[in-house]
Amino acid sequence: MEWLSELSPWVLALVIFLVRMIDVSIGTLRTICVVQGRMGLSVVLGFFEVLIWIAALSQVIMGVSESPILMVAYAGGFALGNAVGIGLERRLALGSVVVRIIAQEDDAEIVRTLRASGYRATTFEGEGVEGPVDLIYVRCDRREVSKLLKAVKFLKPNVFYTVEPVQEQSERFAEALPHATGWRAVFKMK
């Protein structure tokens, strides 16, 4: 990497900034993969994260005495890399979640709509501060949450819900139903 030492300090600082931003973004994704138990992906991401990190750090150590701006570029790349990594993770929306919906009245319409859309909605009767409530649990991929909530809010705009990550699940109910459900299923039967 002799060619890097021939770059002007400002260009080298920009390269270090960008490389560090990439390495920290990969590190953020790797950490999320570790938490979600995605061992293979976390190993691959960890390899590239450290490879890039060593390349960036070695350039800073070799040139910091002549160009202190390299240290600032390194720190700035780290800071921005965190934000970029979080943004990437939100766009990728890795993993599954459980959406818990609490309805204050009989909301069979929500359950029918969710099941007609292929979700496995499980209901429970509960008791809230103001009386009986219906609890509706739905497991879905994180990237589907906004679509699911949009359908629910269309029916009940003021519905209370929580979204929580799934750490582990059995395979039996992990996927959506393989066939149409609800009243529409009658028309799709063979």
N, C-alpha and C. Protein backbone atom coordinates (compact mmCIF):
# COMPACT_ATOMS: atom_id res chain seq x y z
N MET A 1 0.82 -1.19 0.00
CA MET A 1 0.00 0.00 0.00
C MET A 1 0.86 1.25 0.00
N GLU A 2 1.95 1.17 -0.72
CA GLU A 2 2.86 2.31 -0.86
C GLU A 2 2.19 3.50 -1.52
N TRP A 3 1.26 3.23 -2.42
CA TRP A 3 0.61 4.30 -3.16
C TRP A 3 -0.17 5.24 -2.25
N LEU A 4 -0.63 4.72 -1.11
CA LEU A 4 -1.36 5.58 -0.18
C LEU A 4 -0.47 6.67 0.42
N SER A 5 0.80 6.34 0.64
CA SER A 5 1.71 7.33 1.23
C SER A 5 2.03 8.46 0.24
N GLU A 6 1.75 8.23 -1.04
CA GLU A 6 2.00 9.26 -2.06
C GLU A 6 0.83 10.23 -2.21
N LEU A 7 -0.31 9.92 -1.60
CA LEU A 7 -1.46 10.81 -1.68
C LEU A 7 -1.25 12.04 -0.81
N SER A 8 -1.92 13.12 -1.17
CA SER A 8 -1.86 14.32 -0.33
C SER A 8 -2.56 14.02 0.99
N PRO A 9 -2.17 14.71 2.07
CA PRO A 9 -2.79 14.45 3.38
C PRO A 9 -4.32 14.56 3.38
N TRP A 10 -4.85 15.51 2.60
CA TRP A 10 -6.30 15.70 2.58
C TRP A 10 -7.00 14.55 1.85
N VAL A 11 -6.41 14.06 0.79
CA VAL A 11 -7.00 12.92 0.06
C VAL A 11 -6.90 11.66 0.92
N LEU A 12 -5.74 11.48 1.58
CA LEU A 12 -5.58 10.33 2.47
C LEU A 12 -6.58 10.40 3.62
N ALA A 13 -6.81 11.60 4.15
CA ALA A 13 -7.79 11.77 5.24
C ALA A 13 -9.19 11.39 4.76
N LEU A 14 -9.51 11.77 3.53
CA LEU A 14 -10.82 11.42 2.97
C LEU A 14 -10.93 9.90 2.79
N VAL A 15 -9.88 9.27 2.32
CA VAL A 15 -9.88 7.81 2.14
C VAL A 15 -10.06 7.13 3.50
N ILE A 16 -9.33 7.59 4.51
CA ILE A 16 -9.43 7.01 5.85
C ILE A 16 -10.84 7.21 6.41
N PHE A 17 -11.38 8.40 6.23
CA PHE A 17 -12.74 8.69 6.68
C PHE A 17 -13.74 7.71 6.06
N LEU A 18 -13.67 7.53 4.74
CA LEU A 18 -14.62 6.65 4.04
C LEU A 18 -14.42 5.18 4.43
N VAL A 19 -13.17 4.76 4.50
CA VAL A 19 -12.89 3.36 4.86
C VAL A 19 -13.36 3.08 6.28
N ARG A 20 -13.10 4.01 7.18
CA ARG A 20 -13.52 3.83 8.57
C ARG A 20 -15.05 3.81 8.68
N MET A 21 -15.72 4.65 7.89
CA MET A 21 -17.18 4.66 7.89
C MET A 21 -17.71 3.30 7.43
N ILE A 22 -17.10 2.72 6.41
CA ILE A 22 -17.52 1.41 5.91
C ILE A 22 -17.27 0.34 6.97
N ASP A 23 -16.09 0.37 7.58
CA ASP A 23 -15.75 -0.66 8.58
C ASP A 23 -16.67 -0.60 9.79
N VAL A 24 -17.01 0.58 10.26
CA VAL A 24 -17.91 0.69 11.42
C VAL A 24 -19.33 0.30 11.03
N SER A 25 -19.75 0.61 9.82
CA SER A 25 -21.07 0.19 9.35
C SER A 25 -21.17 -1.33 9.33
N ILE A 26 -20.13 -1.96 8.82
CA ILE A 26 -20.08 -3.44 8.81
C ILE A 26 -20.11 -3.96 10.25
N GLY A 27 -19.38 -3.29 11.14
CA GLY A 27 -19.36 -3.71 12.54
C GLY A 27 -20.73 -3.61 13.20
N THR A 28 -21.47 -2.57 12.87
CA THR A 28 -22.82 -2.42 13.41
C THR A 28 -23.71 -3.55 12.93
N LEU A 29 -23.65 -3.86 11.65
CA LEU A 29 -24.43 -4.97 11.11
C LEU A 29 -24.00 -6.30 11.73
N ARG A 30 -22.69 -6.46 11.92
CA ARG A 30 -22.18 -7.70 12.53
C ARG A 30 -22.71 -7.87 13.95
N THR A 31 -22.72 -6.79 14.72
CA THR A 31 -23.21 -6.86 16.09
C THR A 31 -24.67 -7.28 16.11
N ILE A 32 -25.46 -6.73 15.23
CA ILE A 32 -26.88 -7.09 15.16
C ILE A 32 -27.03 -8.56 14.76
N CYS A 33 -26.20 -9.03 13.83
CA CYS A 33 -26.24 -10.44 13.44
C CYS A 33 -25.86 -11.35 14.59
N VAL A 34 -24.89 -10.93 15.40
CA VAL A 34 -24.50 -11.72 16.58
C VAL A 34 -25.67 -11.83 17.55
N VAL A 35 -26.33 -10.70 17.82
CA VAL A 35 -27.46 -10.68 18.75
C VAL A 35 -28.59 -11.56 18.24
N GLN A 36 -28.81 -11.57 16.92
CA GLN A 36 -29.87 -12.38 16.33
C GLN A 36 -29.47 -13.83 16.12
N GLY A 37 -28.24 -14.18 16.43
CA GLY A 37 -27.79 -15.56 16.30
C GLY A 37 -27.44 -15.99 14.89
N ARG A 38 -27.13 -15.05 14.02
CA ARG A 38 -26.74 -15.35 12.63
C ARG A 38 -25.22 -15.54 12.58
N MET A 39 -24.78 -16.74 12.97
CA MET A 39 -23.36 -16.99 13.15
C MET A 39 -22.57 -16.86 11.84
N GLY A 40 -23.02 -17.49 10.77
CA GLY A 40 -22.28 -17.46 9.52
C GLY A 40 -22.07 -16.06 8.99
N LEU A 41 -23.13 -15.28 8.96
CA LEU A 41 -23.05 -13.91 8.46
C LEU A 41 -22.17 -13.05 9.37
N SER A 42 -22.26 -13.25 10.67
CA SER A 42 -21.45 -12.45 11.58
C SER A 42 -19.96 -12.77 11.43
N VAL A 43 -19.62 -14.02 11.12
CA VAL A 43 -18.22 -14.39 10.90
C VAL A 43 -17.67 -13.68 9.66
N VAL A 44 -18.43 -13.73 8.57
CA VAL A 44 -17.99 -13.08 7.32
C VAL A 44 -17.86 -11.58 7.51
N LEU A 45 -18.87 -10.96 8.11
CA LEU A 45 -18.82 -9.51 8.34
C LEU A 45 -17.66 -9.14 9.26
N GLY A 46 -17.42 -9.95 10.29
CA GLY A 46 -16.31 -9.69 11.22
C GLY A 46 -14.96 -9.73 10.53
N PHE A 47 -14.78 -10.68 9.60
CA PHE A 47 -13.53 -10.78 8.86
C PHE A 47 -13.26 -9.49 8.08
N PHE A 48 -14.25 -9.04 7.31
CA PHE A 48 -14.06 -7.83 6.50
C PHE A 48 -13.96 -6.57 7.36
N GLU A 49 -14.69 -6.55 8.46
CA GLU A 49 -14.62 -5.40 9.36
C GLU A 49 -13.20 -5.20 9.87
N VAL A 50 -12.59 -6.26 10.36
CA VAL A 50 -11.24 -6.15 10.93
C VAL A 50 -10.20 -5.92 9.84
N LEU A 51 -10.38 -6.53 8.69
CA LEU A 51 -9.45 -6.31 7.58
C LEU A 51 -9.41 -4.84 7.19
N ILE A 52 -10.57 -4.22 7.06
CA ILE A 52 -10.66 -2.80 6.71
C ILE A 52 -10.12 -1.94 7.85
N TRP A 53 -10.45 -2.31 9.07
CA TRP A 53 -10.01 -1.55 10.25
C TRP A 53 -8.49 -1.50 10.32
N ILE A 54 -7.83 -2.64 10.11
CA ILE A 54 -6.36 -2.68 10.17
C ILE A 54 -5.76 -1.78 9.09
N ALA A 55 -6.34 -1.82 7.90
CA ALA A 55 -5.83 -0.98 6.80
C ALA A 55 -5.95 0.50 7.16
N ALA A 56 -7.08 0.91 7.70
CA ALA A 56 -7.28 2.31 8.06
C ALA A 56 -6.37 2.72 9.21
N LEU A 57 -6.32 1.89 10.26
CA LEU A 57 -5.52 2.22 11.43
C LEU A 57 -4.03 2.31 11.10
N SER A 58 -3.55 1.42 10.26
CA SER A 58 -2.12 1.44 9.91
C SER A 58 -1.75 2.75 9.21
N GLN A 59 -2.64 3.26 8.38
CA GLN A 59 -2.36 4.52 7.69
C GLN A 59 -2.36 5.69 8.66
N VAL A 60 -3.24 5.64 9.64
CA VAL A 60 -3.29 6.72 10.64
C VAL A 60 -2.02 6.69 11.48
N ILE A 61 -1.63 5.52 11.93
CA ILE A 61 -0.44 5.41 12.79
C ILE A 61 0.82 5.86 12.05
N MET A 62 0.93 5.48 10.78
CA MET A 62 2.12 5.85 10.01
C MET A 62 2.17 7.34 9.69
N GLY A 63 1.01 8.00 9.55
CA GLY A 63 1.03 9.38 9.09
C GLY A 63 0.57 10.43 10.06
N VAL A 64 0.17 10.05 11.27
CA VAL A 64 -0.42 11.02 12.19
C VAL A 64 0.58 12.08 12.66
N SER A 65 1.85 11.75 12.75
CA SER A 65 2.82 12.75 13.21
C SER A 65 2.99 13.87 12.19
N GLU A 66 2.86 13.56 10.89
CA GLU A 66 2.97 14.60 9.87
C GLU A 66 1.61 15.25 9.55
N SER A 67 0.52 14.49 9.74
CA SER A 67 -0.81 14.99 9.38
C SER A 67 -1.82 14.62 10.46
N PRO A 68 -1.95 15.46 11.49
CA PRO A 68 -2.93 15.16 12.55
C PRO A 68 -4.37 15.08 12.05
N ILE A 69 -4.61 15.60 10.85
CA ILE A 69 -5.96 15.53 10.27
C ILE A 69 -6.39 14.08 10.07
N LEU A 70 -5.44 13.17 9.94
CA LEU A 70 -5.76 11.75 9.76
C LEU A 70 -6.50 11.21 10.99
N MET A 71 -6.10 11.68 12.16
CA MET A 71 -6.76 11.26 13.40
C MET A 71 -8.21 11.75 13.42
N VAL A 72 -8.41 12.97 12.99
CA VAL A 72 -9.77 13.53 12.94
C VAL A 72 -10.62 12.77 11.91
N ALA A 73 -10.04 12.44 10.78
CA ALA A 73 -10.75 11.68 9.75
C ALA A 73 -11.13 10.30 10.27
N TYR A 74 -10.21 9.67 11.00
CA TYR A 74 -10.46 8.35 11.57
C TYR A 74 -11.64 8.41 12.55
N ALA A 75 -11.63 9.40 13.44
CA ALA A 75 -12.71 9.56 14.43
C ALA A 75 -14.03 9.92 13.76
N GLY A 76 -13.96 10.80 12.75
CA GLY A 76 -15.18 11.18 12.03
C GLY A 76 -15.79 10.02 11.28
N GLY A 77 -14.95 9.18 10.67
CA GLY A 77 -15.45 7.99 9.99
C GLY A 77 -16.12 7.02 10.95
N PHE A 78 -15.55 6.92 12.15
CA PHE A 78 -16.16 6.07 13.18
C PHE A 78 -17.55 6.60 13.55
N ALA A 79 -17.63 7.90 13.81
CA ALA A 79 -18.90 8.50 14.22
C ALA A 79 -19.97 8.34 13.15
N LEU A 80 -19.65 8.69 11.92
CA LEU A 80 -20.62 8.58 10.84
C LEU A 80 -20.94 7.12 10.53
N GLY A 81 -19.96 6.24 10.68
CA GLY A 81 -20.17 4.81 10.42
C GLY A 81 -21.25 4.21 11.30
N ASN A 82 -21.34 4.68 12.56
CA ASN A 82 -22.41 4.22 13.44
C ASN A 82 -23.78 4.56 12.87
N ALA A 83 -23.94 5.81 12.44
CA ALA A 83 -25.23 6.23 11.88
C ALA A 83 -25.54 5.50 10.59
N VAL A 84 -24.54 5.33 9.73
CA VAL A 84 -24.75 4.62 8.46
C VAL A 84 -25.11 3.16 8.73
N GLY A 85 -24.43 2.53 9.68
CA GLY A 85 -24.73 1.14 10.03
C GLY A 85 -26.14 0.96 10.55
N ILE A 86 -26.58 1.87 11.40
CA ILE A 86 -27.95 1.80 11.91
C ILE A 86 -28.95 2.01 10.79
N GLY A 87 -28.68 2.97 9.92
CA GLY A 87 -29.56 3.20 8.76
C GLY A 87 -29.63 1.99 7.85
N LEU A 88 -28.49 1.36 7.59
CA LEU A 88 -28.47 0.14 6.76
C LEU A 88 -29.29 -0.97 7.40
N GLU A 89 -29.11 -1.14 8.69
CA GLU A 89 -29.85 -2.20 9.39
C GLU A 89 -31.34 -1.95 9.34
N ARG A 90 -31.74 -0.71 9.46
CA ARG A 90 -33.18 -0.39 9.37
C ARG A 90 -33.72 -0.69 7.99
N ARG A 91 -32.93 -0.40 6.96
CA ARG A 91 -33.37 -0.68 5.58
C ARG A 91 -33.43 -2.18 5.31
N LEU A 92 -32.44 -2.92 5.83
CA LEU A 92 -32.43 -4.37 5.63
C LEU A 92 -33.51 -5.04 6.46
N ALA A 93 -33.81 -4.47 7.62
CA ALA A 93 -34.83 -4.99 8.54
C ALA A 93 -34.67 -6.49 8.76
N LEU A 94 -33.52 -6.88 9.28
CA LEU A 94 -33.23 -8.29 9.52
C LEU A 94 -34.03 -8.81 10.71
N GLY A 95 -34.44 -10.04 10.63
CA GLY A 95 -35.08 -10.70 11.76
C GLY A 95 -36.59 -10.67 11.75
N SER A 96 -37.13 -11.25 12.81
CA SER A 96 -38.57 -11.36 13.00
C SER A 96 -38.99 -10.57 14.23
N VAL A 97 -40.26 -10.22 14.26
CA VAL A 97 -40.82 -9.51 15.41
C VAL A 97 -42.17 -10.11 15.76
N VAL A 98 -42.63 -9.81 16.96
CA VAL A 98 -43.99 -10.10 17.37
C VAL A 98 -44.70 -8.77 17.53
N VAL A 99 -45.80 -8.60 16.83
CA VAL A 99 -46.63 -7.41 16.97
C VAL A 99 -47.75 -7.79 17.93
N ARG A 100 -47.86 -7.03 19.01
CA ARG A 100 -48.90 -7.27 20.01
C ARG A 100 -49.89 -6.12 19.92
N ILE A 101 -51.11 -6.47 19.60
CA ILE A 101 -52.17 -5.47 19.43
C ILE A 101 -53.15 -5.63 20.57
N ILE A 102 -53.49 -4.53 21.24
CA ILE A 102 -54.45 -4.56 22.33
C ILE A 102 -55.65 -3.73 21.91
N ALA A 103 -56.78 -4.39 21.76
CA ALA A 103 -58.00 -3.73 21.30
C ALA A 103 -59.00 -3.70 22.45
N GLN A 104 -59.69 -2.58 22.61
CA GLN A 104 -60.61 -2.42 23.72
C GLN A 104 -62.00 -2.95 23.42
N GLU A 105 -62.22 -3.42 22.25
CA GLU A 105 -63.53 -3.98 21.92
C GLU A 105 -63.29 -5.19 21.02
N ASP A 106 -64.31 -5.92 20.75
CA ASP A 106 -64.17 -7.10 19.89
C ASP A 106 -63.68 -6.66 18.52
N ASP A 107 -62.48 -7.05 18.19
CA ASP A 107 -61.89 -6.65 16.92
C ASP A 107 -61.66 -7.86 16.02
N ALA A 108 -62.72 -8.61 15.81
CA ALA A 108 -62.64 -9.77 14.92
C ALA A 108 -62.27 -9.33 13.51
N GLU A 109 -62.63 -8.09 13.15
CA GLU A 109 -62.33 -7.58 11.81
C GLU A 109 -60.81 -7.48 11.60
N ILE A 110 -60.07 -7.06 12.63
CA ILE A 110 -58.61 -7.00 12.53
C ILE A 110 -58.05 -8.40 12.32
N VAL A 111 -58.52 -9.34 13.11
CA VAL A 111 -58.03 -10.72 13.00
C VAL A 111 -58.34 -11.29 11.62
N ARG A 112 -59.56 -11.08 11.13
CA ARG A 112 -59.93 -11.58 9.78
C ARG A 112 -59.03 -10.97 8.71
N THR A 113 -58.80 -9.67 8.81
CA THR A 113 -57.96 -8.99 7.82
C THR A 113 -56.53 -9.53 7.85
N LEU A 114 -55.98 -9.70 9.05
CA LEU A 114 -54.62 -10.21 9.16
C LEU A 114 -54.51 -11.64 8.62
N ARG A 115 -55.46 -12.47 8.98
CA ARG A 115 -55.44 -13.86 8.50
C ARG A 115 -55.66 -13.93 7.00
N ALA A 116 -56.52 -13.07 6.47
CA ALA A 116 -56.74 -13.03 5.02
C ALA A 116 -55.47 -12.60 4.27
N SER A 117 -54.62 -11.84 4.96
CA SER A 117 -53.36 -11.40 4.37
C SER A 117 -52.25 -12.44 4.54
N GLY A 118 -52.56 -13.57 5.19
CA GLY A 118 -51.59 -14.64 5.34
C GLY A 118 -50.84 -14.66 6.66
N TYR A 119 -51.18 -13.76 7.58
CA TYR A 119 -50.52 -13.73 8.89
C TYR A 119 -51.20 -14.72 9.83
N ARG A 120 -50.43 -15.25 10.74
CA ARG A 120 -50.96 -16.14 11.78
C ARG A 120 -51.26 -15.27 13.01
N ALA A 121 -52.50 -14.88 13.14
CA ALA A 121 -52.92 -14.04 14.26
C ALA A 121 -53.48 -14.93 15.36
N THR A 122 -52.96 -14.75 16.56
CA THR A 122 -53.42 -15.50 17.72
C THR A 122 -54.09 -14.52 18.67
N THR A 123 -55.27 -14.88 19.18
CA THR A 123 -56.02 -13.96 20.04
C THR A 123 -56.18 -14.52 21.45
N PHE A 124 -56.26 -13.58 22.38
CA PHE A 124 -56.49 -13.89 23.79
C PHE A 124 -57.47 -12.87 24.34
N GLU A 125 -58.21 -13.27 25.35
CA GLU A 125 -59.05 -12.32 26.06
C GLU A 125 -58.27 -11.84 27.27
N GLY A 126 -58.36 -10.55 27.54
CA GLY A 126 -57.63 -9.98 28.67
C GLY A 126 -58.48 -8.97 29.40
N GLU A 127 -57.90 -8.43 30.44
CA GLU A 127 -58.58 -7.44 31.26
C GLU A 127 -57.69 -6.22 31.35
N GLY A 128 -58.19 -5.07 30.87
CA GLY A 128 -57.44 -3.82 30.94
C GLY A 128 -57.98 -2.94 32.05
N VAL A 129 -57.46 -1.76 32.17
CA VAL A 129 -57.89 -0.82 33.20
C VAL A 129 -59.36 -0.47 33.03
N GLU A 130 -59.80 -0.35 31.78
CA GLU A 130 -61.18 0.06 31.51
C GLU A 130 -62.10 -1.11 31.17
N GLY A 131 -61.66 -2.33 31.44
CA GLY A 131 -62.51 -3.48 31.18
C GLY A 131 -61.87 -4.49 30.25
N PRO A 132 -62.72 -5.33 29.64
CA PRO A 132 -62.20 -6.41 28.79
C PRO A 132 -61.47 -5.87 27.55
N VAL A 133 -60.40 -6.58 27.16
CA VAL A 133 -59.65 -6.24 25.95
C VAL A 133 -59.36 -7.53 25.18
N ASP A 134 -59.11 -7.38 23.91
CA ASP A 134 -58.66 -8.48 23.08
C ASP A 134 -57.19 -8.28 22.80
N LEU A 135 -56.40 -9.33 22.97
CA LEU A 135 -54.98 -9.30 22.66
C LEU A 135 -54.77 -10.08 21.37
N ILE A 136 -54.09 -9.49 20.43
CA ILE A 136 -53.83 -10.14 19.15
C ILE A 136 -52.31 -10.16 18.96
N TYR A 137 -51.76 -11.36 18.81
CA TYR A 137 -50.32 -11.52 18.59
C TYR A 137 -50.08 -11.98 17.16
N VAL A 138 -49.12 -11.35 16.49
CA VAL A 138 -48.77 -11.72 15.13
C VAL A 138 -47.25 -11.72 15.01
N ARG A 139 -46.68 -12.82 14.51
CA ARG A 139 -45.25 -12.88 14.22
C ARG A 139 -45.06 -12.57 12.74
N CYS A 140 -44.11 -11.68 12.42
CA CYS A 140 -43.83 -11.37 11.02
C CYS A 140 -42.38 -10.94 10.87
N ASP A 141 -41.92 -10.88 9.64
CA ASP A 141 -40.59 -10.34 9.37
C ASP A 141 -40.61 -8.84 9.65
N ARG A 142 -39.48 -8.31 10.09
CA ARG A 142 -39.42 -6.87 10.40
C ARG A 142 -39.77 -6.00 9.21
N ARG A 143 -39.43 -6.45 8.02
CA ARG A 143 -39.70 -5.62 6.83
C ARG A 143 -41.18 -5.55 6.52
N GLU A 144 -42.00 -6.39 7.16
CA GLU A 144 -43.45 -6.38 6.91
C GLU A 144 -44.23 -5.58 7.95
N VAL A 145 -43.56 -5.10 8.98
CA VAL A 145 -44.26 -4.46 10.09
C VAL A 145 -45.07 -3.25 9.64
N SER A 146 -44.48 -2.38 8.82
CA SER A 146 -45.22 -1.17 8.44
C SER A 146 -46.47 -1.52 7.63
N LYS A 147 -46.38 -2.54 6.77
CA LYS A 147 -47.56 -2.96 5.99
C LYS A 147 -48.64 -3.52 6.91
N LEU A 148 -48.23 -4.33 7.87
CA LEU A 148 -49.18 -4.92 8.82
C LEU A 148 -49.85 -3.82 9.65
N LEU A 149 -49.06 -2.89 10.18
CA LEU A 149 -49.63 -1.83 11.01
C LEU A 149 -50.51 -0.89 10.21
N LYS A 150 -50.17 -0.67 8.95
CA LYS A 150 -51.01 0.18 8.10
C LYS A 150 -52.40 -0.43 7.95
N ALA A 151 -52.46 -1.75 7.74
CA ALA A 151 -53.75 -2.43 7.62
C ALA A 151 -54.54 -2.35 8.91
N VAL A 152 -53.86 -2.54 10.04
CA VAL A 152 -54.53 -2.49 11.35
C VAL A 152 -55.03 -1.08 11.64
N LYS A 153 -54.18 -0.08 11.40
CA LYS A 153 -54.57 1.31 11.68
C LYS A 153 -55.67 1.80 10.74
N PHE A 154 -55.77 1.22 9.56
CA PHE A 154 -56.86 1.58 8.66
C PHE A 154 -58.20 1.20 9.29
N LEU A 155 -58.22 0.04 9.96
CA LEU A 155 -59.45 -0.43 10.60
C LEU A 155 -59.69 0.27 11.94
N LYS A 156 -58.62 0.44 12.72
CA LYS A 156 -58.71 1.05 14.05
C LYS A 156 -57.57 2.05 14.21
N PRO A 157 -57.79 3.31 13.86
CA PRO A 157 -56.70 4.31 13.86
C PRO A 157 -56.02 4.50 15.22
N ASN A 158 -56.74 4.31 16.32
CA ASN A 158 -56.16 4.57 17.65
C ASN A 158 -55.78 3.29 18.38
N VAL A 159 -55.52 2.23 17.66
CA VAL A 159 -55.20 0.95 18.29
C VAL A 159 -53.85 1.05 19.02
N PHE A 160 -53.74 0.34 20.14
CA PHE A 160 -52.48 0.28 20.89
C PHE A 160 -51.74 -0.97 20.46
N TYR A 161 -50.44 -0.83 20.20
CA TYR A 161 -49.65 -1.99 19.79
C TYR A 161 -48.21 -1.84 20.29
N THR A 162 -47.52 -2.95 20.36
CA THR A 162 -46.08 -2.97 20.62
C THR A 162 -45.45 -3.90 19.61
N VAL A 163 -44.18 -3.64 19.32
CA VAL A 163 -43.42 -4.48 18.40
C VAL A 163 -42.15 -4.89 19.13
N GLU A 164 -41.94 -6.20 19.23
CA GLU A 164 -40.79 -6.69 19.97
C GLU A 164 -40.03 -7.72 19.14
N PRO A 165 -38.69 -7.70 19.22
CA PRO A 165 -37.91 -8.65 18.42
C PRO A 165 -38.07 -10.09 18.91
N VAL A 166 -37.98 -11.03 17.99
CA VAL A 166 -38.03 -12.45 18.32
C VAL A 166 -36.59 -12.95 18.40
N GLN A 167 -36.21 -13.50 19.53
CA GLN A 167 -34.86 -14.03 19.68
C GLN A 167 -34.76 -15.46 19.16
N GLU A 168 -35.81 -16.23 19.36
CA GLU A 168 -35.82 -17.63 18.95
C GLU A 168 -37.25 -18.03 18.68
N GLN A 169 -37.43 -18.93 17.72
CA GLN A 169 -38.79 -19.40 17.41
C GLN A 169 -38.72 -20.83 16.90
N SER A 170 -39.84 -21.54 17.05
CA SER A 170 -39.90 -22.88 16.48
C SER A 170 -40.17 -22.72 14.99
N GLU A 171 -39.84 -23.71 14.23
CA GLU A 171 -40.02 -23.63 12.78
C GLU A 171 -41.48 -23.82 12.37
N ARG A 172 -42.29 -24.43 13.20
CA ARG A 172 -43.65 -24.80 12.83
C ARG A 172 -44.48 -23.62 12.37
N PHE A 173 -44.41 -22.52 13.07
CA PHE A 173 -45.24 -21.37 12.73
C PHE A 173 -44.40 -20.18 12.26
N ALA A 174 -43.20 -20.44 11.79
CA ALA A 174 -42.31 -19.36 11.40
C ALA A 174 -42.73 -18.67 10.11
N GLU A 175 -43.35 -19.38 9.22
CA GLU A 175 -43.72 -18.80 7.92
C GLU A 175 -45.21 -18.49 7.87
N ALA A 176 -45.57 -17.67 6.91
CA ALA A 176 -46.99 -17.36 6.71
C ALA A 176 -47.71 -18.62 6.26
N LEU A 177 -49.01 -18.62 6.39
CA LEU A 177 -49.79 -19.77 5.97
C LEU A 177 -49.58 -20.03 4.47
N PRO A 178 -49.47 -21.30 4.07
CA PRO A 178 -49.19 -21.61 2.66
C PRO A 178 -50.39 -21.44 1.74
N HIS A 179 -51.54 -21.13 2.29
CA HIS A 179 -52.75 -21.03 1.49
C HIS A 179 -53.56 -19.81 1.94
N ALA A 180 -54.48 -19.42 1.10
CA ALA A 180 -55.34 -18.29 1.45
C ALA A 180 -56.22 -18.67 2.64
N THR A 181 -56.50 -17.67 3.47
CA THR A 181 -57.33 -17.91 4.64
C THR A 181 -58.49 -16.93 4.64
N GLY A 182 -59.43 -17.14 5.54
CA GLY A 182 -60.56 -16.24 5.66
C GLY A 182 -61.60 -16.48 4.58
N TRP A 183 -62.50 -15.54 4.41
CA TRP A 183 -63.61 -15.71 3.47
C TRP A 183 -63.12 -15.80 2.03
N ARG A 184 -61.97 -15.22 1.71
CA ARG A 184 -61.45 -15.29 0.35
C ARG A 184 -61.00 -16.70 -0.02
N ALA A 185 -60.69 -17.50 0.98
CA ALA A 185 -60.22 -18.85 0.71
C ALA A 185 -61.29 -19.70 0.03
N VAL A 186 -62.55 -19.40 0.29
CA VAL A 186 -63.63 -20.17 -0.33
C VAL A 186 -63.55 -20.10 -1.85
N PHE A 187 -63.18 -18.93 -2.37
CA PHE A 187 -63.11 -18.77 -3.82
C PHE A 187 -61.86 -19.36 -4.44
N LYS A 188 -60.85 -19.64 -3.60
CA LYS A 188 -59.61 -20.17 -4.12
C LYS A 188 -59.48 -21.68 -3.95
N MET A 189 -60.51 -22.32 -3.40
CA MET A 189 -60.47 -23.77 -3.19
C MET A 189 -60.60 -24.47 -4.54
N LYS A 190 -59.90 -25.59 -4.64
CA LYS A 190 -59.96 -26.38 -5.89
C LYS A 190 -60.95 -27.50 -5.77
